Amino acid sequence: MAQIRTDRPGDRVAVVTLDDPSRRNALSLQLSADLASTIEALVEDPEVGAVVVTGDGPAFCAGADLTQLGDSAREGLLAIYEGFLAVARCPLPTIAAVNGPAVGAGMNLALACDLRVASTEARFDCRFLDLGIHPGGGHTWMLRRLLGPQTAAAMVLFSEVLDAGTALERGLVWETTDPGDLLARCVELAASAASVPEGLSRDAKATLGDVAAIDSHADAIALELERQLESMDRPEFAERLAQLKKAVSGS
C-alpha cells in the first residue's frame, strides 16, 4: 500500500503528503521509495511547477525507521536516504509544510526543501546522538550551511530542540502559521513559484545552487548573464515584454 498521497490544488502545484500517521510518518524503506518515485514523476509532469511536502497526522516526519536496515546497514541507510535525497535533487521549487515534529532524518526532509514554513506546533529535533547514532544523509552539512556553526553545534551536540518560533528566529524557517493555515499558505507560495514561464524557475533554482561554489562576483555575473540571455530567447519573455510595452504606452 502506497504511503504517499499526492493532491493537485491547482495553479500547477502538487502537494505530497507522507501518509503513515500511525507511525508518525517515519521513513521506512517503503515510504522512502514511494516518496522518491512520486517526486521523480512530478518532475516529469509538465503540469507541475512547484511541490509542497507535508505529513499527515500530528507529525511531519519522525525520522528513519532503523528497524528496517536489514543485513547491510550501509545499503539500508542509503535506501532510506533516497526519499529525502529525491526532494533535494528536485529541480522544481519545493516547500516543506512542517505541520509537527521533524526529527532526525525527518529534519533532513525539511532541510532538503528550498523553503520551510512551520505550523506553531512544529519542532525541529536532530536526535541522532540521543539514539546513539552519528548524523547521516548530509545532516551536518545542510544544517551548518543553513544555520551556521554555533546553531548546528547546539542542535547536534547539545540536543537543543527548536520550536517554531525559535526556528524562525534562527532562520531555519521562512515563516510560521497557525496549524489550520499552514497548507493554504504553502500552496499560495508554491503557486507564485509555479506561475513563471516553464523552465525559468528551474533555471533560477539551479543558479542559486551553482553560485554557492562561486567566490567571485564577476564569475557570478558571467554565469547569470548566459542564463539571462537564454531566458530572453524564450517566447514567454517576448510575450511579457510586449504586454509591458503595451501597458507603458497605454494602448
C-alpha atoms as a PDB file:
ATOM      1  CA  MET A   1       0.000   0.000   0.000  1.00  0.00           C
ATOM      2  CA  ALA A   2       1.377   3.376  -1.030  1.00  0.00           C
ATOM      3  CA  GLN A   3       2.395   5.615   1.856  1.00  0.00           C
ATOM      4  CA  ILE A   4       2.419   8.832  -0.128  1.00  0.00           C
ATOM      5  CA  ARG A   5      -0.632  10.867  -1.117  1.00  0.00           C
ATOM      6  CA  THR A   6      -0.483  13.422  -3.926  1.00  0.00           C
ATOM      7  CA  ASP A   7      -3.031  16.210  -4.373  1.00  0.00           C
ATOM      8  CA  ARG A   8      -3.331  18.888  -7.038  1.00  0.00           C
ATOM      9  CA  PRO A   9      -4.953  22.009  -5.516  1.00  0.00           C
ATOM     10  CA  GLY A  10      -4.481  23.892  -8.802  1.00  0.00           C
ATOM     11  CA  ASP A  11      -2.113  26.565 -10.092  1.00  0.00           C
ATOM     12  CA  ARG A  12       0.440  23.910 -11.184  1.00  0.00           C
ATOM     13  CA  VAL A  13       1.115  22.949  -7.551  1.00  0.00           C
ATOM     14  CA  ALA A  14       1.429  19.377  -6.251  1.00  0.00           C
ATOM     15  CA  VAL A  15       1.070  18.617  -2.534  1.00  0.00           C
ATOM     16  CA  VAL A  16       2.943  15.472  -1.486  1.00  0.00           C
ATOM     17  CA  THR A  17       1.816  14.096   1.875  1.00  0.00           C
ATOM     18  CA  LEU A  18       3.634  11.453   3.902  1.00  0.00           C
ATOM     19  CA  ASP A  19       0.707   9.192   4.722  1.00  0.00           C
ATOM     20  CA  ASP A  20       1.652   6.871   7.572  1.00  0.00           C
ATOM     21  CA  PRO A  21       0.334   8.759  10.595  1.00  0.00           C
ATOM     22  CA  SER A  22       0.160   5.731  12.893  1.00  0.00           C
ATOM     23  CA  ARG A  23       3.964   5.566  12.692  1.00  0.00           C
ATOM     24  CA  ARG A  24       4.335   9.360  12.695  1.00  0.00           C
ATOM     25  CA  ASN A  25       5.432   9.199   9.050  1.00  0.00           C
ATOM     26  CA  ALA A  26       8.758   7.554   9.896  1.00  0.00           C
ATOM     27  CA  LEU A  27      10.924   6.990   6.835  1.00  0.00           C
ATOM     28  CA  SER A  28      10.574   3.270   6.217  1.00  0.00           C
ATOM     29  CA  LEU A  29      12.034   1.630   3.135  1.00  0.00           C
ATOM     30  CA  GLN A  30       8.570   1.646   1.546  1.00  0.00           C
ATOM     31  CA  LEU A  31       7.752   5.255   2.359  1.00  0.00           C
ATOM     32  CA  SER A  32      11.152   6.453   1.134  1.00  0.00           C
ATOM     33  CA  ALA A  33      10.786   4.504  -2.108  1.00  0.00           C
ATOM     34  CA  ASP A  34       7.266   5.873  -2.614  1.00  0.00           C
ATOM     35  CA  LEU A  35       8.457   9.418  -1.922  1.00  0.00           C
ATOM     36  CA  ALA A  36      11.341   9.125  -4.393  1.00  0.00           C
ATOM     37  CA  SER A  37       9.159   7.714  -7.174  1.00  0.00           C
ATOM     38  CA  THR A  38       6.494  10.359  -6.552  1.00  0.00           C
ATOM     39  CA  ILE A  39       8.970  13.229  -6.786  1.00  0.00           C
ATOM     40  CA  GLU A  40      10.534  11.765  -9.919  1.00  0.00           C
ATOM     41  CA  ALA A  41       7.100  11.515 -11.577  1.00  0.00           C
ATOM     42  CA  LEU A  42       6.224  15.108 -10.661  1.00  0.00           C
ATOM     43  CA  VAL A  43       9.489  16.383 -12.127  1.00  0.00           C
ATOM     44  CA  GLU A  44       8.488  14.851 -15.475  1.00  0.00           C
ATOM     45  CA  ASP A  45       4.927  16.249 -15.341  1.00  0.00           C
ATOM     46  CA  PRO A  46       4.613  19.463 -17.394  1.00  0.00           C
ATOM     47  CA  GLU A  47       1.525  20.411 -15.369  1.00  0.00           C
ATOM     48  CA  VAL A  48       3.544  20.739 -12.154  1.00  0.00           C
ATOM     49  CA  GLY A  49       5.634  23.820 -11.431  1.00  0.00           C
ATOM     50  CA  ALA A  50       6.213  23.545  -7.680  1.00  0.00           C
ATOM     51  CA  VAL A  51       5.898  20.955  -4.906  1.00  0.00           C
ATOM     52  CA  VAL A  52       4.770  21.168  -1.268  1.00  0.00           C
ATOM     53  CA  VAL A  53       5.833  18.341   1.079  1.00  0.00           C
ATOM     54  CA  THR A  54       3.966  17.739   4.342  1.00  0.00           C
ATOM     55  CA  GLY A  55       2.936  14.990   6.756  1.00  0.00           C
ATOM     56  CA  ASP A  56      -0.433  13.522   7.703  1.00  0.00           C
ATOM     57  CA  GLY A  57      -1.403  13.484  11.367  1.00  0.00           C
ATOM     58  CA  PRO A  58       0.395  15.215  14.242  1.00  0.00           C
ATOM     59  CA  ALA A  59       3.974  14.730  12.941  1.00  0.00           C
ATOM     60  CA  PHE A  60       5.823  15.926   9.870  1.00  0.00           C
ATOM     61  CA  CYS A  61       8.273  13.026   9.972  1.00  0.00           C
ATOM     62  CA  ALA A  62       9.587  11.126  12.987  1.00  0.00           C
ATOM     63  CA  GLY A  63      12.880  10.171  11.336  1.00  0.00           C
ATOM     64  CA  ALA A  64      14.231   6.965   9.851  1.00  0.00           C
ATOM     65  CA  ASP A  65      12.871   3.545  10.754  1.00  0.00           C
ATOM     66  CA  LEU A  66      16.150   1.976  11.813  1.00  0.00           C
ATOM     67  CA  THR A  67      14.490  -1.416  12.389  1.00  0.00           C
ATOM     68  CA  GLN A  68      14.333  -1.926   8.613  1.00  0.00           C
ATOM     69  CA  LEU A  69      18.014  -1.725   7.743  1.00  0.00           C
ATOM     70  CA  GLY A  70      18.309  -5.462   7.046  1.00  0.00           C
ATOM     71  CA  ASP A  71      21.558  -7.381   6.673  1.00  0.00           C
ATOM     72  CA  SER A  72      23.511  -4.440   5.249  1.00  0.00           C
ATOM     73  CA  ALA A  73      23.304  -1.278   7.323  1.00  0.00           C
ATOM     74  CA  ARG A  74      25.011   0.695   4.524  1.00  0.00           C
ATOM     75  CA  GLU A  75      22.512  -0.363   1.868  1.00  0.00           C
ATOM     76  CA  GLY A  76      19.581   0.093   4.239  1.00  0.00           C
ATOM     77  CA  LEU A  77      20.622   3.620   5.161  1.00  0.00           C
ATOM     78  CA  LEU A  78      21.177   4.586   1.526  1.00  0.00           C
ATOM     79  CA  ALA A  79      17.701   3.287   0.654  1.00  0.00           C
ATOM     80  CA  ILE A  80      16.132   5.328   3.452  1.00  0.00           C
ATOM     81  CA  TYR A  81      18.080   8.413   2.355  1.00  0.00           C
ATOM     82  CA  GLU A  82      16.683   8.121  -1.151  1.00  0.00           C
ATOM     83  CA  GLY A  83      13.330   9.660  -0.259  1.00  0.00           C
ATOM     84  CA  PHE A  84      14.647  12.969   1.033  1.00  0.00           C
ATOM     85  CA  LEU A  85      17.520  12.987  -1.467  1.00  0.00           C
ATOM     86  CA  ALA A  86      14.963  12.866  -4.287  1.00  0.00           C
ATOM     87  CA  VAL A  87      13.488  16.040  -2.795  1.00  0.00           C
ATOM     88  CA  ALA A  88      16.960  17.596  -2.520  1.00  0.00           C
ATOM     89  CA  ARG A  89      17.639  16.787  -6.195  1.00  0.00           C
ATOM     90  CA  CYS A  90      14.250  18.027  -7.379  1.00  0.00           C
ATOM     91  CA  PRO A  91      14.736  20.834  -9.932  1.00  0.00           C
ATOM     92  CA  LEU A  92      11.303  22.262  -9.120  1.00  0.00           C
ATOM     93  CA  PRO A  93      10.830  24.777  -6.286  1.00  0.00           C
ATOM     94  CA  THR A  94       9.963  22.861  -3.108  1.00  0.00           C
ATOM     95  CA  ILE A  95       8.370  23.892   0.184  1.00  0.00           C
ATOM     96  CA  ALA A  96       8.249  21.910   3.415  1.00  0.00           C
ATOM     97  CA  ALA A  97       4.941  22.492   5.212  1.00  0.00           C
ATOM     98  CA  VAL A  98       6.174  21.385   8.628  1.00  0.00           C
ATOM     99  CA  ASN A  99       2.974  20.532  10.458  1.00  0.00           C
ATOM    100  CA  GLY A 100       4.547  18.931  13.552  1.00  0.00           C
ATOM    101  CA  PRO A 101       7.781  17.411  14.823  1.00  0.00           C
ATOM    102  CA  ALA A 102      10.579  16.930  12.275  1.00  0.00           C
ATOM    103  CA  VAL A 103      13.049  14.534  13.888  1.00  0.00           C
ATOM    104  CA  GLY A 104      16.413  13.182  12.683  1.00  0.00           C
ATOM    105  CA  ALA A 105      16.014  12.137   9.061  1.00  0.00           C
ATOM    106  CA  GLY A 106      12.683  13.962   9.141  1.00  0.00           C
ATOM    107  CA  MET A 107      14.697  17.142   9.635  1.00  0.00           C
ATOM    108  CA  ASN A 108      16.725  16.108   6.594  1.00  0.00           C
ATOM    109  CA  LEU A 109      13.497  16.030   4.586  1.00  0.00           C
ATOM    110  CA  ALA A 110      12.620  19.547   5.708  1.00  0.00           C
ATOM    111  CA  LEU A 111      16.181  20.765   5.077  1.00  0.00           C
ATOM    112  CA  ALA A 112      16.087  19.249   1.583  1.00  0.00           C
ATOM    113  CA  CYS A 113      13.339  21.683   0.573  1.00  0.00           C
ATOM    114  CA  ASP A 114      14.041  25.181  -0.724  1.00  0.00           C
ATOM    115  CA  LEU A 115      11.709  26.808   1.776  1.00  0.00           C
ATOM    116  CA  ARG A 116      10.295  25.759   5.134  1.00  0.00           C
ATOM    117  CA  VAL A 117       7.062  27.077   6.613  1.00  0.00           C
ATOM    118  CA  ALA A 118       6.222  25.819  10.091  1.00  0.00           C
ATOM    119  CA  SER A 119       2.999  25.398  11.979  1.00  0.00           C
ATOM    120  CA  THR A 120       3.170  26.707  15.520  1.00  0.00           C
ATOM    121  CA  GLU A 121       3.022  23.015  16.503  1.00  0.00           C
ATOM    122  CA  ALA A 122       6.262  22.203  14.667  1.00  0.00           C
ATOM    123  CA  ARG A 123       9.551  21.444  16.348  1.00  0.00           C
ATOM    124  CA  PHE A 124      12.962  20.524  14.981  1.00  0.00           C
ATOM    125  CA  ASP A 125      14.943  17.826  16.780  1.00  0.00           C
ATOM    126  CA  CYS A 126      18.217  16.356  15.477  1.00  0.00           C
ATOM    127  CA  ARG A 127      18.006  13.403  17.911  1.00  0.00           C
ATOM    128  CA  PHE A 128      20.796  11.375  16.249  1.00  0.00           C
ATOM    129  CA  LEU A 129      23.270  11.367  19.155  1.00  0.00           C
ATOM    130  CA  ASP A 130      20.494  10.693  21.664  1.00  0.00           C
ATOM    131  CA  LEU A 131      19.794   7.479  19.742  1.00  0.00           C
ATOM    132  CA  GLY A 132      23.460   6.502  19.777  1.00  0.00           C
ATOM    133  CA  ILE A 133      23.912   7.060  16.053  1.00  0.00           C
ATOM    134  CA  HIS A 134      26.022   9.546  14.094  1.00  0.00           C
ATOM    135  CA  PRO A 135      24.103  12.065  11.946  1.00  0.00           C
ATOM    136  CA  GLY A 136      23.683  10.956   8.341  1.00  0.00           C
ATOM    137  CA  GLY A 137      22.258  11.885   4.991  1.00  0.00           C
ATOM    138  CA  GLY A 138      24.175  15.165   4.843  1.00  0.00           C
ATOM    139  CA  HIS A 139      22.508  16.386   8.040  1.00  0.00           C
ATOM    140  CA  THR A 140      25.505  18.296   9.451  1.00  0.00           C
ATOM    141  CA  TRP A 141      26.362  19.795   6.042  1.00  0.00           C
ATOM    142  CA  MET A 142      22.838  21.088   5.439  1.00  0.00           C
ATOM    143  CA  LEU A 143      22.396  22.340   8.993  1.00  0.00           C
ATOM    144  CA  ARG A 144      25.734  24.166   9.185  1.00  0.00           C
ATOM    145  CA  ARG A 145      25.297  25.801   5.768  1.00  0.00           C
ATOM    146  CA  LEU A 146      21.813  26.997   6.650  1.00  0.00           C
ATOM    147  CA  LEU A 147      22.222  27.995  10.307  1.00  0.00           C
ATOM    148  CA  GLY A 148      25.962  28.444  10.865  1.00  0.00           C
ATOM    149  CA  PRO A 149      28.358  26.530  13.109  1.00  0.00           C
ATOM    150  CA  GLN A 150      27.008  27.574  16.511  1.00  0.00           C
ATOM    151  CA  THR A 151      23.343  26.706  15.952  1.00  0.00           C
ATOM    152  CA  ALA A 152      24.339  23.499  14.194  1.00  0.00           C
ATOM    153  CA  ALA A 153      26.505  22.550  17.168  1.00  0.00           C
ATOM    154  CA  ALA A 154      23.751  23.437  19.638  1.00  0.00           C
ATOM    155  CA  MET A 155      21.297  21.167  17.859  1.00  0.00           C
ATOM    156  CA  VAL A 156      23.616  18.269  17.008  1.00  0.00           C
ATOM    157  CA  LEU A 157      25.964  18.162  20.008  1.00  0.00           C
ATOM    158  CA  PHE A 158      23.878  19.695  22.778  1.00  0.00           C
ATOM    159  CA  SER A 159      20.464  18.281  21.774  1.00  0.00           C
ATOM    160  CA  GLU A 160      18.807  21.671  21.569  1.00  0.00           C
ATOM    161  CA  VAL A 161      15.312  21.372  20.094  1.00  0.00           C
ATOM    162  CA  LEU A 162      13.869  24.359  18.240  1.00  0.00           C
ATOM    163  CA  ASP A 163      10.185  25.169  18.451  1.00  0.00           C
ATOM    164  CA  ALA A 164       8.569  27.041  15.568  1.00  0.00           C
ATOM    165  CA  GLY A 165       9.256  30.493  16.991  1.00  0.00           C
ATOM    166  CA  THR A 166      12.910  29.791  17.711  1.00  0.00           C
ATOM    167  CA  ALA A 167      13.320  28.163  14.301  1.00  0.00           C
ATOM    168  CA  LEU A 168      12.022  31.382  12.766  1.00  0.00           C
ATOM    169  CA  GLU A 169      14.463  33.477  14.807  1.00  0.00           C
ATOM    170  CA  ARG A 170      17.382  31.256  13.767  1.00  0.00           C
ATOM    171  CA  GLY A 171      16.477  31.301  10.077  1.00  0.00           C
ATOM    172  CA  LEU A 172      15.512  27.638   9.846  1.00  0.00           C
ATOM    173  CA  VAL A 173      12.007  28.501   8.627  1.00  0.00           C
ATOM    174  CA  TRP A 174      10.734  31.314   6.447  1.00  0.00           C
ATOM    175  CA  GLU A 175       7.602  31.953   8.475  1.00  0.00           C
ATOM    176  CA  THR A 176       5.214  30.371  10.947  1.00  0.00           C
ATOM    177  CA  THR A 177       1.457  29.968  10.735  1.00  0.00           C
ATOM    178  CA  ASP A 178      -1.455  28.693  12.739  1.00  0.00           C
ATOM    179  CA  PRO A 179      -1.943  24.960  12.108  1.00  0.00           C
ATOM    180  CA  GLY A 180      -5.130  25.488  10.131  1.00  0.00           C
ATOM    181  CA  ASP A 181      -3.487  27.985   7.788  1.00  0.00           C
ATOM    182  CA  LEU A 182      -0.270  26.092   7.065  1.00  0.00           C
ATOM    183  CA  LEU A 183      -1.139  24.202   3.911  1.00  0.00           C
ATOM    184  CA  ALA A 184      -3.039  27.062   2.295  1.00  0.00           C
ATOM    185  CA  ARG A 185      -0.093  29.410   2.860  1.00  0.00           C
ATOM    186  CA  CYS A 186       2.371  26.907   1.407  1.00  0.00           C
ATOM    187  CA  VAL A 187       0.165  26.339  -1.633  1.00  0.00           C
ATOM    188  CA  GLU A 188      -0.038  30.103  -2.099  1.00  0.00           C
ATOM    189  CA  LEU A 189       3.752  30.396  -2.048  1.00  0.00           C
ATOM    190  CA  ALA A 190       4.161  27.414  -4.366  1.00  0.00           C
ATOM    191  CA  ALA A 191       1.637  28.846  -6.830  1.00  0.00           C
ATOM    192  CA  SER A 192       3.722  32.012  -7.078  1.00  0.00           C
ATOM    193  CA  ALA A 193       6.823  29.994  -7.969  1.00  0.00           C
ATOM    194  CA  ALA A 194       4.837  27.876 -10.445  1.00  0.00           C
ATOM    195  CA  SER A 195       3.352  30.905 -12.219  1.00  0.00           C
ATOM    196  CA  VAL A 196       6.552  31.925 -14.008  1.00  0.00           C
ATOM    197  CA  PRO A 197       7.352  30.613 -17.505  1.00  0.00           C
ATOM    198  CA  GLU A 198       8.037  26.885 -17.608  1.00  0.00           C
ATOM    199  CA  GLY A 199      11.696  26.140 -17.055  1.00  0.00           C
ATOM    200  CA  LEU A 200      12.579  29.595 -15.755  1.00  0.00           C
ATOM    201  CA  SER A 201      12.146  28.731 -12.078  1.00  0.00           C
ATOM    202  CA  ARG A 202      14.151  25.538 -12.635  1.00  0.00           C
ATOM    203  CA  ASP A 203      16.995  27.557 -14.133  1.00  0.00           C
ATOM    204  CA  ALA A 204      16.874  30.108 -11.315  1.00  0.00           C
ATOM    205  CA  LYS A 205      16.914  27.327  -8.711  1.00  0.00           C
ATOM    206  CA  ALA A 206      19.912  25.736 -10.445  1.00  0.00           C
ATOM    207  CA  THR A 207      21.715  29.079 -10.381  1.00  0.00           C
ATOM    208  CA  LEU A 208      21.056  29.519  -6.656  1.00  0.00           C
ATOM    209  CA  GLY A 209      22.833  26.203  -6.166  1.00  0.00           C
ATOM    210  CA  ASP A 210      25.645  26.901  -8.613  1.00  0.00           C
ATOM    211  CA  VAL A 211      26.607  30.285  -7.162  1.00  0.00           C
ATOM    212  CA  ALA A 212      27.266  28.646  -3.786  1.00  0.00           C
ATOM    213  CA  ALA A 213      30.511  27.346  -5.270  1.00  0.00           C
ATOM    214  CA  ILE A 214      31.484  30.720  -6.815  1.00  0.00           C
ATOM    215  CA  ASP A 215      33.664  33.143  -4.840  1.00  0.00           C
ATOM    216  CA  SER A 216      33.962  35.911  -7.420  1.00  0.00           C
ATOM    217  CA  HIS A 217      31.216  38.440  -8.114  1.00  0.00           C
ATOM    218  CA  ALA A 218      32.471  38.711 -11.690  1.00  0.00           C
ATOM    219  CA  ASP A 219      32.128  34.939 -12.194  1.00  0.00           C
ATOM    220  CA  ALA A 220      28.586  35.061 -10.818  1.00  0.00           C
ATOM    221  CA  ILE A 221      27.724  37.892 -13.221  1.00  0.00           C
ATOM    222  CA  ALA A 222      29.069  35.858 -16.140  1.00  0.00           C
ATOM    223  CA  LEU A 223      27.065  32.793 -15.158  1.00  0.00           C
ATOM    224  CA  GLU A 224      23.849  34.763 -14.694  1.00  0.00           C
ATOM    225  CA  LEU A 225      24.356  36.655 -17.960  1.00  0.00           C
ATOM    226  CA  GLU A 226      24.391  33.485 -20.043  1.00  0.00           C
ATOM    227  CA  ARG A 227      21.241  32.189 -18.368  1.00  0.00           C
ATOM    228  CA  GLN A 228      19.583  35.582 -18.585  1.00  0.00           C
ATOM    229  CA  LEU A 229      20.239  35.700 -22.341  1.00  0.00           C
ATOM    230  CA  GLU A 230      18.840  32.172 -22.706  1.00  0.00           C
ATOM    231  CA  SER A 231      15.655  33.220 -20.912  1.00  0.00           C
ATOM    232  CA  MET A 232      15.243  36.206 -23.234  1.00  0.00           C
ATOM    233  CA  ASP A 233      15.224  33.874 -26.243  1.00  0.00           C
ATOM    234  CA  ARG A 234      12.099  32.126 -24.997  1.00  0.00           C
ATOM    235  CA  PRO A 235       8.693  33.091 -26.416  1.00  0.00           C
ATOM    236  CA  GLU A 236       7.312  33.687 -22.919  1.00  0.00           C
ATOM    237  CA  PHE A 237       9.711  36.603 -22.467  1.00  0.00           C
ATOM    238  CA  ALA A 238       8.662  38.141 -25.795  1.00  0.00           C
ATOM    239  CA  GLU A 239       5.012  37.867 -24.793  1.00  0.00           C
ATOM    240  CA  ARG A 240       5.564  39.512 -21.417  1.00  0.00           C
ATOM    241  CA  LEU A 241       7.754  42.221 -22.905  1.00  0.00           C
ATOM    242  CA  ALA A 242       5.016  43.010 -25.432  1.00  0.00           C
ATOM    243  CA  GLN A 243       2.491  43.245 -22.573  1.00  0.00           C
ATOM    244  CA  LEU A 244       4.823  45.578 -20.674  1.00  0.00           C
ATOM    245  CA  LYS A 245       5.296  47.837 -23.689  1.00  0.00           C
ATOM    246  CA  LYS A 246       1.551  47.952 -24.211  1.00  0.00           C
ATOM    247  CA  ALA A 247       0.965  48.902 -20.594  1.00  0.00           C
ATOM    248  CA  VAL A 248       3.638  51.617 -20.728  1.00  0.00           C
ATOM    249  CA  SER A 249       2.264  53.100 -23.928  1.00  0.00           C
ATOM    250  CA  GLY A 250      -1.297  52.964 -22.596  1.00  0.00           C
ATOM    251  CA  SER A 251      -2.597  51.423 -25.809  1.00  0.00           C
END
